[in-house]
Amino acid sequence: MGIASDIAIIVTAGFLGGIAAQRLRQPLILGYILAGIVLGPLTGQSLISDHHQVELLAEIGVALMLFALGLEFSLSDLRPVRRVALLGTPVQILVIMACGAGMVRWLGWPWPAAVWFGAAVSLSSTMVVLKTLQAQGRLGTLSSRVMIGMLLVQDLAVVPMMVLLPKLGGLEAGLSELGGAVARAAVFLGVMIVFGQRIVPRLMAAISRWNSRELFLLAVTALGLGVGYATWRVGLSFAFGALVAGLVLSESEHSHQALSDIIPLRDLFGLLFFVSVGMLLDPDYLRAHLGLVAGLAAVLALLKGGVFAVLSRAFGYGNVVPVATALTLFQVGELSFVLARVGVDGGHLDQAQYSLLLAVALVTMFATPPVSRLTAPLYRVLRARAPRDPLQTINLEREGLADHVIIVGAGDVGLAVSRTLQQQGLHCVAIELDQRRLEACRRAGTATVYGDGAQPAVLEAAGLDAARLLVVTVPAAETSSAVARLARARRPDLHLVARAESDAAREALYALGVFEVVQPQREASLEMTRQALAHLGVEAGEVARLVEAARREG
């Protein structure tokens, strides 16, 4: 059956690999790549009859992945950490590019291939990092916001890489080819900005008025692939055009619907791409160079983690943030596979070089969850050995500090709690790590201690011994548990109210003696139940009884 049977085999193998990855709590893409290694021609038992056709379909997968990436880009995620993201990330990319290229140049690689390697390993994995943070209950923390901001800029860095890297070989004969590529890219971006501002919104609005989901999906897909084809025709990367199309459409009011419609296509063709990535890995090369792979992965992880830690500290993020970024962003990312594939297709990387790059990437990806889990223990060790800096405080009068409320976390939730309590004449002291939020506390007149609420010195500075109540609003389960444990040890009589993002975190906090645990999703479901019953005419007393029963059962 030719290509039909090949697709059936690839999808089935990818499905089985995905199940294995899910059971091992790893990102699905790792399961897809391992499935590709099993199916690949280099294992000596390939089940795929037409590898060329599979590679062509994989190209569509790359384009759809980058198109969706452009659609997902959010300036709101970047704005709170824009300094470290926009200024620090380019420094990180250039430093790791230079280090990575130098490492493989020392192994005898030609310099164009070495630059490809350096560019690929400079990127981290958005998929792996988000899954790791979610599994560890750390989404929403300051360190996670810094990481996500830097990952967004890394993703955007793929745009100039796709324009410049394929032209590296031509530099030996001069800069004219590179200059031409940059000029074409600049003209194309200018045209796309005009196209995106004046034509795309009208086009999408006209198609939306027909109320046809099929036509809307076709229009979105045609836009992504059509712009990719246009860039290929002018001598640039097909995938580069798709990414730019996604960025243009992300500014439209139709971007959310476009993203939700394109995701199933992206996931299916993305599976084909990642399986095809695995099919190109040479297991014999890997077996013969295990020591080299392990050594490169270890050195790269140390270098990359060190750069992230130094940059975080240089941009004013202290406490746990440098440790968290170092132990979570050290891996090589999924967009590195896209770059590597472009390098192989263009003849810039040979089979052995590609296999080494892919193997190093896989090792660092698999290592991320367990290494990231060491963040809190390592931070505690470093904190215990480091000299204590004087604590920064805002609007805090230490004299007469008693019978007050300590609020750990001065984000939107913490400031809202503080504002309401202060309106009732209660004195509040907030604890916060984020400098931007400290400024919000300063403007609001809220007494604030800068630091980590899980540290004894910080809680003492906030007046733990004389406090009336402790409210923990941070979403990270590890942090809230550490604060509760410390507060309970110092003040067994103190009432604690905390926030939890999962049932497991809620039960853990109750086990630590927290008086009341608020779970935002659960509270939202109870409130929606209350509203639904009220609108259905159920009397108020019965509504209250049913909601309370649901609360107890939950």
Foldseek 3Di string as FASTA:
>chain_A
DAPVVQLVLLVVQLVVLQVVCVVVLAFSLLSLLVSLLVQAVLVVDHPHDDLVVLVVLLLLLLLLVLLLLLLPDDVVLQVQVVVCQVPVLVVLLVVQLVVQLVVVVVVVDPNLLSSLLSNQQSAFAPRLLVSLCVVQQNPPPPLNSNLVSNNSSSSVVVLVCQQQSLCVVVPVVHCPVSVVSVVVSVVLLVVLLCCLVPPVQVVLVVQVVVVDLVVNQVVLSCQLQVQLVVQVVVPTHSSSSSNSSSNSCSPHPCSVVNSVSSVVVSVSSNSSNSSSLSSLANVVLCVVCVVVLVVVLVVQLQVSLVSQLVSCVVVPFDQLNSLLCSLAGSARYPVSSVSLVVCVVSVNDDSSSSNSSVSSRSVRSVRRNVSSVCSVVVSVVVVVPDDDDDKDKALDDPPPPAQAEEEEDQDPVSVVVCVVVVVVVGAYEYEEARPVSVVVCNVVSHIYIYDQLLDPVRCVVRPLVRYQEYEYERRRLVSVLSNLLVSCVVPVPHAYEYEYQDPVSQVSSVVSPHPYYHHVVLVVVLVVQLVVCVVVPDDPVVSVVVSVVVVVVD
